């Protein structure tokens, strides 16, 4: 095979690969973020709710996506400095700014069954009053739900809540 024939064959192979990679295979690309609905009946917690140490509660939110859900994450952390994540739209009455001594922190990932586009969370949680030695700080906390769909799009819902002792 001479050099010109080799160049010609190489050009045909490269052009063929380029054309095939541009081919529309009918697969629609997901470009929509999933959503978190806290207006469904029984949703909990919602903005400005109070959670109590050592008392169980169920996290209920409606999660949806136009194609397929992936996973979600719950994050609870203190808001003693009154910081914001730009997702809290409701103004709750906040305590005076204070320094954290022993704040409660919770971060947990949860899976959603495959091929699911609508899912209602049903997570039972009890916030302990101590870390085994010292009491956790009462006061203002952020309760965040982060949702990711199968494609990798994500959305975040942040709530201002209080965690108190009865």
N, C-alpha and C. Protein backbone atom coordinates (compact mmCIF):
# COMPACT_ATOMS: atom_id res chain seq x y z
N UNK A 1 0.86 -1.16 0.00
CA UNK A 1 0.00 0.00 0.00
C UNK A 1 0.91 1.23 0.00
N UNK A 2 0.64 2.14 -0.91
CA UNK A 2 1.50 3.32 -0.98
C UNK A 2 1.02 4.39 0.00
N UNK A 3 1.80 5.42 0.16
CA UNK A 3 1.55 6.48 1.14
C UNK A 3 0.26 7.24 0.84
N UNK A 4 -0.04 7.51 -0.41
CA UNK A 4 -1.27 8.23 -0.76
C UNK A 4 -2.51 7.41 -0.43
N UNK A 5 -2.47 6.12 -0.69
CA UNK A 5 -3.60 5.26 -0.36
C UNK A 5 -3.81 5.21 1.15
N UNK A 6 -2.71 5.13 1.92
CA UNK A 6 -2.79 5.11 3.38
C UNK A 6 -3.39 6.42 3.90
N UNK A 7 -2.98 7.56 3.35
CA UNK A 7 -3.54 8.85 3.75
C UNK A 7 -5.03 8.91 3.44
N UNK A 8 -5.41 8.42 2.25
CA UNK A 8 -6.80 8.42 1.83
C UNK A 8 -7.65 7.56 2.75
N UNK A 9 -7.18 6.37 3.10
CA UNK A 9 -7.92 5.48 4.01
C UNK A 9 -8.04 6.08 5.41
N UNK A 10 -6.98 6.71 5.86
CA UNK A 10 -6.98 7.35 7.18
C UNK A 10 -8.01 8.48 7.20
N UNK A 11 -8.06 9.27 6.14
CA UNK A 11 -9.03 10.36 6.03
C UNK A 11 -10.46 9.82 6.05
N UNK A 12 -10.71 8.72 5.35
CA UNK A 12 -12.05 8.12 5.32
C UNK A 12 -12.46 7.63 6.71
N UNK A 13 -11.54 6.98 7.41
CA UNK A 13 -11.83 6.47 8.75
C UNK A 13 -12.12 7.63 9.71
N UNK A 14 -11.31 8.67 9.69
CA UNK A 14 -11.51 9.82 10.58
C UNK A 14 -12.84 10.51 10.27
N UNK A 15 -13.14 10.72 8.98
CA UNK A 15 -14.39 11.36 8.59
C UNK A 15 -15.58 10.51 8.99
N UNK A 16 -15.49 9.20 8.83
CA UNK A 16 -16.57 8.30 9.21
C UNK A 16 -16.84 8.35 10.71
N UNK A 17 -15.77 8.36 11.49
CA UNK A 17 -15.92 8.44 12.95
C UNK A 17 -16.55 9.77 13.35
N UNK A 18 -16.14 10.84 12.74
CA UNK A 18 -16.68 12.16 13.06
C UNK A 18 -18.16 12.23 12.71
N UNK A 19 -18.53 11.71 11.56
CA UNK A 19 -19.94 11.75 11.16
C UNK A 19 -20.80 10.87 12.06
N UNK A 20 -20.32 9.72 12.45
CA UNK A 20 -21.08 8.83 13.32
C UNK A 20 -21.25 9.40 14.72
N UNK A 21 -20.26 10.15 15.19
CA UNK A 21 -20.37 10.72 16.53
C UNK A 21 -21.40 11.85 16.56
N UNK A 22 -21.71 12.46 15.45
CA UNK A 22 -22.70 13.53 15.39
C UNK A 22 -24.10 13.00 15.14
N UNK A 23 -24.24 11.73 14.91
CA UNK A 23 -25.53 11.12 14.58
C UNK A 23 -26.49 11.26 15.76
N UNK A 24 -27.72 11.64 15.47
CA UNK A 24 -28.76 11.75 16.48
C UNK A 24 -29.33 10.35 16.70
N UNK A 25 -29.10 9.79 17.88
CA UNK A 25 -29.57 8.43 18.16
C UNK A 25 -30.95 8.43 18.83
N UNK A 26 -31.60 9.59 18.88
CA UNK A 26 -32.94 9.67 19.43
C UNK A 26 -32.97 9.76 20.95
N UNK A 27 -31.84 9.76 21.61
CA UNK A 27 -31.79 9.85 23.06
C UNK A 27 -31.91 11.32 23.46
N UNK A 28 -32.90 11.60 24.29
CA UNK A 28 -33.10 12.97 24.75
C UNK A 28 -32.21 13.23 25.96
N UNK A 29 -31.56 14.37 25.96
CA UNK A 29 -30.67 14.73 27.07
C UNK A 29 -31.48 15.44 28.14
N UNK A 30 -31.34 14.99 29.38
CA UNK A 30 -32.03 15.59 30.52
C UNK A 30 -31.34 16.90 30.88
N UNK A 31 -32.06 18.00 30.81
CA UNK A 31 -31.48 19.30 31.16
C UNK A 31 -32.28 19.98 32.26
N UNK A 32 -33.21 19.25 32.90
CA UNK A 32 -34.03 19.83 33.96
C UNK A 32 -33.56 19.38 35.34
N UNK A 33 -33.56 20.33 36.27
CA UNK A 33 -33.24 20.00 37.65
C UNK A 33 -34.41 19.26 38.29
N UNK A 34 -34.14 18.40 39.26
CA UNK A 34 -35.23 17.76 40.00
C UNK A 34 -35.87 18.78 40.94
N UNK A 35 -36.97 18.41 41.59
CA UNK A 35 -37.61 19.35 42.50
C UNK A 35 -37.95 18.70 43.84
N UNK A 36 -37.98 19.54 44.85
CA UNK A 36 -38.32 19.15 46.22
C UNK A 36 -39.57 19.91 46.59
N UNK A 37 -40.64 19.20 46.92
CA UNK A 37 -41.92 19.83 47.25
C UNK A 37 -42.21 19.63 48.73
N UNK A 38 -42.26 20.73 49.46
CA UNK A 38 -42.59 20.68 50.88
C UNK A 38 -43.99 21.22 51.14
N UNK A 39 -44.83 21.24 50.09
CA UNK A 39 -46.21 21.67 50.26
C UNK A 39 -47.17 20.49 50.24
N UNK A 40 -46.66 19.27 50.09
CA UNK A 40 -47.52 18.09 50.09
C UNK A 40 -48.08 17.87 51.49
N UNK A 41 -49.20 17.21 51.56
CA UNK A 41 -49.84 16.94 52.86
C UNK A 41 -48.87 16.19 53.77
N UNK A 42 -48.71 16.68 54.98
CA UNK A 42 -47.85 16.03 55.96
C UNK A 42 -46.37 16.30 55.81
N UNK A 43 -45.99 17.23 54.92
CA UNK A 43 -44.57 17.54 54.74
C UNK A 43 -43.97 18.00 56.07
N UNK A 44 -42.76 17.52 56.34
CA UNK A 44 -42.10 17.89 57.60
C UNK A 44 -40.61 17.63 57.48
N UNK A 45 -39.78 18.52 58.00
CA UNK A 45 -40.14 19.82 58.55
C UNK A 45 -40.34 20.84 57.44
N UNK A 46 -40.93 21.96 57.82
CA UNK A 46 -41.06 23.09 56.91
C UNK A 46 -40.41 24.29 57.61
N UNK A 47 -40.29 25.39 56.91
CA UNK A 47 -39.63 26.57 57.48
C UNK A 47 -40.26 26.96 58.81
N UNK A 48 -39.42 27.31 59.73
CA UNK A 48 -39.76 27.81 61.06
C UNK A 48 -40.30 26.75 62.00
N UNK A 49 -40.28 25.47 61.61
CA UNK A 49 -40.71 24.41 62.51
C UNK A 49 -39.71 24.24 63.66
N UNK A 50 -40.18 23.63 64.74
CA UNK A 50 -39.31 23.32 65.87
C UNK A 50 -39.17 21.80 65.97
N UNK A 51 -37.95 21.35 66.09
CA UNK A 51 -37.63 19.95 66.34
C UNK A 51 -37.17 19.86 67.79
N UNK A 52 -37.44 18.71 68.41
CA UNK A 52 -37.07 18.57 69.82
C UNK A 52 -36.08 17.43 70.01
N UNK A 53 -35.08 17.71 70.82
CA UNK A 53 -34.10 16.68 71.15
C UNK A 53 -34.82 15.46 71.74
N UNK A 54 -34.34 14.28 71.37
CA UNK A 54 -34.81 13.00 71.89
C UNK A 54 -36.25 12.66 71.53
N UNK A 55 -36.86 13.40 70.59
CA UNK A 55 -38.22 13.09 70.15
C UNK A 55 -38.17 12.73 68.66
N UNK A 56 -38.63 11.53 68.31
CA UNK A 56 -38.58 11.11 66.90
C UNK A 56 -39.53 11.93 66.03
N UNK A 57 -39.12 12.11 64.78
CA UNK A 57 -39.97 12.75 63.78
C UNK A 57 -39.67 12.09 62.44
N UNK A 58 -40.58 12.28 61.50
CA UNK A 58 -40.41 11.70 60.17
C UNK A 58 -40.21 12.81 59.15
N UNK A 59 -39.15 12.68 58.38
CA UNK A 59 -38.88 13.65 57.32
C UNK A 59 -39.72 13.26 56.11
N UNK A 60 -40.61 14.16 55.71
CA UNK A 60 -41.47 13.88 54.57
C UNK A 60 -41.37 15.02 53.57
N UNK A 61 -40.96 14.67 52.35
CA UNK A 61 -40.89 15.62 51.23
C UNK A 61 -41.16 14.84 49.95
N UNK A 62 -41.76 15.50 48.98
CA UNK A 62 -42.02 14.89 47.68
C UNK A 62 -40.88 15.27 46.73
N UNK A 63 -40.18 14.27 46.20
CA UNK A 63 -39.06 14.48 45.29
C UNK A 63 -39.48 14.03 43.90
N UNK A 64 -39.25 14.87 42.89
CA UNK A 64 -39.64 14.50 41.53
C UNK A 64 -38.56 14.92 40.53
N UNK A 65 -38.56 14.22 39.41
CA UNK A 65 -37.68 14.55 38.29
C UNK A 65 -38.39 14.18 36.99
N UNK A 66 -38.07 14.87 35.93
CA UNK A 66 -38.71 14.61 34.64
C UNK A 66 -38.26 13.28 34.03
N UNK A 67 -37.08 12.76 34.43
CA UNK A 67 -36.58 11.51 33.87
C UNK A 67 -36.38 10.46 34.97
N UNK A 68 -35.36 10.67 35.82
CA UNK A 68 -35.07 9.68 36.87
C UNK A 68 -34.32 10.34 38.02
N UNK A 69 -34.78 10.05 39.23
CA UNK A 69 -34.11 10.55 40.43
C UNK A 69 -32.83 9.76 40.70
N UNK A 70 -31.93 10.36 41.45
CA UNK A 70 -30.68 9.69 41.81
C UNK A 70 -30.60 9.42 43.31
N UNK A 71 -30.32 10.47 44.10
CA UNK A 71 -30.19 10.31 45.54
C UNK A 71 -30.48 11.65 46.21
N UNK A 72 -30.61 11.60 47.55
CA UNK A 72 -30.79 12.85 48.28
C UNK A 72 -29.94 12.82 49.55
N UNK A 73 -29.77 14.00 50.12
CA UNK A 73 -28.92 14.17 51.28
C UNK A 73 -29.64 15.07 52.28
N UNK A 74 -29.54 14.74 53.55
CA UNK A 74 -30.06 15.58 54.63
C UNK A 74 -28.86 16.14 55.39
N UNK A 75 -28.89 17.44 55.62
CA UNK A 75 -27.81 18.13 56.34
C UNK A 75 -28.45 19.04 57.38
N UNK A 76 -28.11 18.82 58.64
CA UNK A 76 -28.58 19.68 59.72
C UNK A 76 -27.34 20.27 60.39
N UNK A 77 -27.29 21.58 60.45
CA UNK A 77 -26.15 22.25 61.09
C UNK A 77 -26.63 23.56 61.73
N UNK A 78 -25.84 24.08 62.66
CA UNK A 78 -26.27 25.25 63.42
C UNK A 78 -26.27 26.51 62.55
N UNK A 79 -27.14 27.43 62.96
CA UNK A 79 -27.22 28.74 62.34
C UNK A 79 -27.12 29.81 63.42
N UNK A 80 -26.25 29.57 64.37
CA UNK A 80 -26.11 30.49 65.50
C UNK A 80 -25.56 31.85 65.07
N UNK A 81 -24.86 31.88 63.93
CA UNK A 81 -24.31 33.15 63.41
C UNK A 81 -25.25 33.81 62.40
N UNK A 82 -26.41 33.21 62.16
CA UNK A 82 -27.45 33.70 61.25
C UNK A 82 -26.95 33.82 59.81
N UNK A 83 -26.13 32.86 59.39
CA UNK A 83 -25.69 32.82 57.99
C UNK A 83 -26.84 32.35 57.11
N UNK A 84 -26.68 32.48 55.81
CA UNK A 84 -27.73 32.07 54.89
C UNK A 84 -27.14 31.26 53.75
N UNK A 85 -27.98 30.43 53.16
CA UNK A 85 -27.59 29.64 51.99
C UNK A 85 -28.37 30.09 50.76
N UNK A 86 -29.08 31.20 50.89
CA UNK A 86 -29.90 31.76 49.81
C UNK A 86 -31.00 30.83 49.36
N UNK A 87 -31.42 29.92 50.22
CA UNK A 87 -32.54 29.05 49.88
C UNK A 87 -33.67 29.20 50.89
N UNK A 88 -33.44 29.96 51.94
CA UNK A 88 -34.47 30.17 52.95
C UNK A 88 -35.24 31.43 52.57
N UNK A 89 -36.51 31.25 52.18
CA UNK A 89 -37.29 32.39 51.72
C UNK A 89 -38.22 32.93 52.79
N UNK A 90 -38.48 32.14 53.81
CA UNK A 90 -39.39 32.58 54.85
C UNK A 90 -38.57 33.14 56.02
N UNK A 91 -38.99 34.31 56.48
CA UNK A 91 -38.30 34.92 57.61
C UNK A 91 -38.83 34.33 58.91
N UNK A 92 -37.96 33.66 59.61
CA UNK A 92 -38.32 33.09 60.91
C UNK A 92 -37.72 33.97 61.99
N UNK A 93 -38.27 33.90 63.18
CA UNK A 93 -37.72 34.64 64.30
C UNK A 93 -36.47 33.92 64.76
N UNK A 94 -35.32 34.58 64.64
CA UNK A 94 -34.05 33.97 65.02
C UNK A 94 -33.63 34.45 66.41
N UNK A 95 -32.92 33.60 67.12
CA UNK A 95 -32.36 33.96 68.42
C UNK A 95 -31.21 34.95 68.22
N UNK A 96 -30.74 35.49 69.30
CA UNK A 96 -29.56 36.37 69.26
C UNK A 96 -28.36 35.56 68.78
N UNK A 97 -27.51 36.20 68.00
CA UNK A 97 -26.28 35.54 67.52
C UNK A 97 -25.49 35.05 68.73
N UNK A 98 -25.00 33.81 68.63
CA UNK A 98 -24.21 33.26 69.73
C UNK A 98 -23.11 32.36 69.17
N UNK A 99 -22.16 32.07 70.01
CA UNK A 99 -21.06 31.19 69.62
C UNK A 99 -21.44 29.74 69.90
N UNK A 100 -21.17 28.89 68.95
CA UNK A 100 -21.45 27.47 69.12
C UNK A 100 -20.49 26.87 70.13
N UNK A 101 -21.02 26.08 71.06
CA UNK A 101 -20.21 25.37 72.05
C UNK A 101 -20.15 23.90 71.67
N UNK A 102 -21.32 23.27 71.53
CA UNK A 102 -21.41 21.87 71.12
C UNK A 102 -22.62 21.71 70.19
N UNK A 103 -22.49 22.21 68.96
CA UNK A 103 -23.63 22.17 68.04
C UNK A 103 -23.87 20.77 67.50
N UNK A 104 -25.12 20.47 67.26
CA UNK A 104 -25.49 19.21 66.63
C UNK A 104 -25.22 19.31 65.14
N UNK A 105 -24.66 18.25 64.56
CA UNK A 105 -24.40 18.18 63.12
C UNK A 105 -24.85 16.81 62.63
N UNK A 106 -25.58 16.82 61.52
CA UNK A 106 -26.05 15.58 60.91
C UNK A 106 -25.93 15.71 59.41
N UNK A 107 -25.24 14.77 58.77
CA UNK A 107 -25.14 14.73 57.32
C UNK A 107 -25.28 13.27 56.90
N UNK A 108 -26.28 12.99 56.06
CA UNK A 108 -26.54 11.61 55.66
C UNK A 108 -27.05 11.56 54.23
N UNK A 109 -26.50 10.63 53.44
CA UNK A 109 -26.95 10.40 52.07
C UNK A 109 -27.97 9.26 52.06
N UNK A 110 -28.94 9.37 51.14
CA UNK A 110 -29.97 8.35 51.00
C UNK A 110 -30.12 8.00 49.52
N UNK A 111 -30.34 6.73 49.24
CA UNK A 111 -30.54 6.30 47.86
C UNK A 111 -32.03 6.28 47.54
N UNK A 112 -32.32 6.40 46.26
CA UNK A 112 -33.69 6.32 45.76
C UNK A 112 -33.72 5.14 44.80
N UNK A 113 -34.74 4.30 44.86
CA UNK A 113 -34.79 3.14 43.96
C UNK A 113 -34.61 3.54 42.49
N UNK A 114 -33.92 2.71 41.73
CA UNK A 114 -33.67 2.97 40.31
C UNK A 114 -34.98 3.09 39.54
N UNK A 115 -34.91 3.83 38.45
CA UNK A 115 -36.05 4.04 37.54
C UNK A 115 -37.23 4.72 38.22
N UNK A 116 -36.95 5.58 39.20
CA UNK A 116 -37.99 6.29 39.93
C UNK A 116 -37.95 7.76 39.54
N UNK A 117 -39.10 8.33 39.21
CA UNK A 117 -39.14 9.76 38.89
C UNK A 117 -39.94 10.55 39.93
N UNK A 118 -40.60 9.83 40.84
CA UNK A 118 -41.33 10.47 41.93
C UNK A 118 -41.13 9.63 43.19
N UNK A 119 -40.76 10.31 44.28
CA UNK A 119 -40.43 9.58 45.50
C UNK A 119 -40.79 10.45 46.71
N UNK A 120 -41.42 9.84 47.71
CA UNK A 120 -41.73 10.55 48.95
C UNK A 120 -40.79 10.02 50.03
N UNK A 121 -40.05 10.93 50.65
CA UNK A 121 -39.14 10.51 51.72
C UNK A 121 -39.96 10.03 52.91
N UNK A 122 -39.38 9.13 53.67
CA UNK A 122 -40.01 8.57 54.85
C UNK A 122 -38.89 8.17 55.81
N UNK A 123 -38.14 9.16 56.24
CA UNK A 123 -36.99 8.93 57.10
C UNK A 123 -37.35 9.29 58.53
N UNK A 124 -37.22 8.32 59.41
CA UNK A 124 -37.44 8.57 60.83
C UNK A 124 -36.11 8.97 61.46
N UNK A 125 -36.15 10.05 62.22
CA UNK A 125 -34.93 10.58 62.81
C UNK A 125 -35.22 11.05 64.23
N UNK A 126 -34.28 10.81 65.12
CA UNK A 126 -34.33 11.33 66.48
C UNK A 126 -33.02 12.06 66.72
N UNK A 127 -33.11 13.32 67.06
CA UNK A 127 -31.91 14.11 67.34
C UNK A 127 -31.56 13.89 68.81
N UNK A 128 -30.39 13.31 69.07
CA UNK A 128 -30.02 13.06 70.47
C UNK A 128 -29.73 14.37 71.20
N UNK A 129 -29.98 14.39 72.49
CA UNK A 129 -29.74 15.61 73.27
C UNK A 129 -28.28 15.79 73.67
N UNK A 130 -27.51 14.69 73.59
CA UNK A 130 -26.09 14.80 73.95
C UNK A 130 -25.24 13.99 72.96
N UNK A 131 -23.96 14.27 72.99
CA UNK A 131 -23.02 13.48 72.19
C UNK A 131 -22.47 12.31 73.00
N UNK A 132 -23.11 12.04 74.13
CA UNK A 132 -22.67 10.98 75.04
C UNK A 132 -21.96 11.55 76.25
N UNK A 133 -21.50 12.77 76.11
CA UNK A 133 -20.80 13.44 77.21
C UNK A 133 -21.43 14.79 77.51
N UNK A 134 -21.53 15.62 76.49
CA UNK A 134 -22.03 16.99 76.67
C UNK A 134 -23.35 17.19 75.91
N UNK A 135 -24.18 18.08 76.45
CA UNK A 135 -25.45 18.40 75.80
C UNK A 135 -25.20 19.20 74.53
N UNK A 136 -25.99 18.90 73.50
CA UNK A 136 -25.93 19.69 72.26
C UNK A 136 -26.58 21.05 72.49
N UNK A 137 -26.11 22.04 71.75
CA UNK A 137 -26.63 23.40 71.83
C UNK A 137 -28.05 23.48 71.26
N UNK A 138 -28.91 24.17 71.98
CA UNK A 138 -30.24 24.48 71.48
C UNK A 138 -30.15 25.72 70.60
N UNK A 139 -31.18 25.92 69.78
CA UNK A 139 -31.26 27.17 69.04
C UNK A 139 -31.58 27.02 67.58
N UNK A 140 -31.09 27.97 66.80
CA UNK A 140 -31.36 28.04 65.36
C UNK A 140 -30.46 27.09 64.59
N UNK A 141 -31.09 26.34 63.69
CA UNK A 141 -30.36 25.40 62.85
C UNK A 141 -30.87 25.52 61.42
N UNK A 142 -30.07 25.05 60.51
CA UNK A 142 -30.49 24.88 59.12
C UNK A 142 -30.76 23.41 58.90
N UNK A 143 -31.86 23.13 58.22
CA UNK A 143 -32.23 21.79 57.81
C UNK A 143 -32.25 21.83 56.29
N UNK A 144 -31.33 21.13 55.65
CA UNK A 144 -31.21 21.19 54.20
C UNK A 144 -31.46 19.83 53.57
N UNK A 145 -32.21 19.83 52.47
CA UNK A 145 -32.40 18.64 51.65
C UNK A 145 -31.78 18.96 50.30
N UNK A 146 -30.85 18.14 49.89
CA UNK A 146 -30.22 18.27 48.58
C UNK A 146 -30.62 17.06 47.75
N UNK A 147 -31.10 17.30 46.54
CA UNK A 147 -31.59 16.24 45.66
C UNK A 147 -30.82 16.26 44.35
N UNK A 148 -30.36 15.08 43.92
CA UNK A 148 -29.64 14.95 42.65
C UNK A 148 -30.38 13.93 41.79
N UNK A 149 -30.54 14.30 40.50
CA UNK A 149 -31.16 13.32 39.60
C UNK A 149 -30.09 12.43 38.98
N UNK A 150 -30.50 11.43 38.22
CA UNK A 150 -29.59 10.43 37.66
C UNK A 150 -28.55 11.07 36.73
N UNK A 151 -28.94 12.18 36.07
CA UNK A 151 -28.04 12.87 35.14
C UNK A 151 -27.01 13.72 35.86
N UNK A 152 -27.27 14.06 37.14
CA UNK A 152 -26.33 14.86 37.92
C UNK A 152 -26.83 16.26 38.24
N UNK A 153 -28.01 16.63 37.75
CA UNK A 153 -28.59 17.93 38.11
C UNK A 153 -29.01 17.88 39.56
N UNK A 154 -28.85 18.99 40.27
CA UNK A 154 -29.24 18.97 41.67
C UNK A 154 -29.98 20.24 42.06
N UNK A 155 -30.70 20.13 43.17
CA UNK A 155 -31.42 21.25 43.74
C UNK A 155 -31.32 21.14 45.25
N UNK A 156 -31.47 22.27 45.92
CA UNK A 156 -31.30 22.33 47.37
C UNK A 156 -32.47 23.10 47.97
N UNK A 157 -33.00 22.59 49.05
CA UNK A 157 -34.04 23.30 49.79
C UNK A 157 -33.51 23.47 51.21
N UNK A 158 -33.37 24.72 51.63
CA UNK A 158 -32.88 25.01 52.97
C UNK A 158 -33.97 25.61 53.84
N UNK A 159 -34.05 25.14 55.05
CA UNK A 159 -35.08 25.60 55.98
C UNK A 159 -34.44 26.09 57.26
N UNK A 160 -35.01 27.14 57.82
CA UNK A 160 -34.64 27.58 59.15
C UNK A 160 -35.53 26.83 60.13
N UNK A 161 -34.93 26.14 61.07
CA UNK A 161 -35.67 25.43 62.11
C UNK A 161 -35.01 25.72 63.46
N UNK A 162 -35.73 25.42 64.51
CA UNK A 162 -35.16 25.48 65.85
C UNK A 162 -35.06 24.06 66.38
N UNK A 163 -34.02 23.78 67.13
CA UNK A 163 -33.91 22.51 67.84
C UNK A 163 -33.83 22.87 69.32
N UNK A 164 -34.81 22.38 70.08
CA UNK A 164 -34.94 22.74 71.49
C UNK A 164 -35.17 21.52 72.36
N UNK A 165 -35.06 21.72 73.66
CA UNK A 165 -35.45 20.73 74.65
C UNK A 165 -36.84 21.08 75.16
N UNK A 166 -37.62 20.10 75.48
CA UNK A 166 -38.95 20.37 76.09
C UNK A 166 -38.79 20.48 77.58
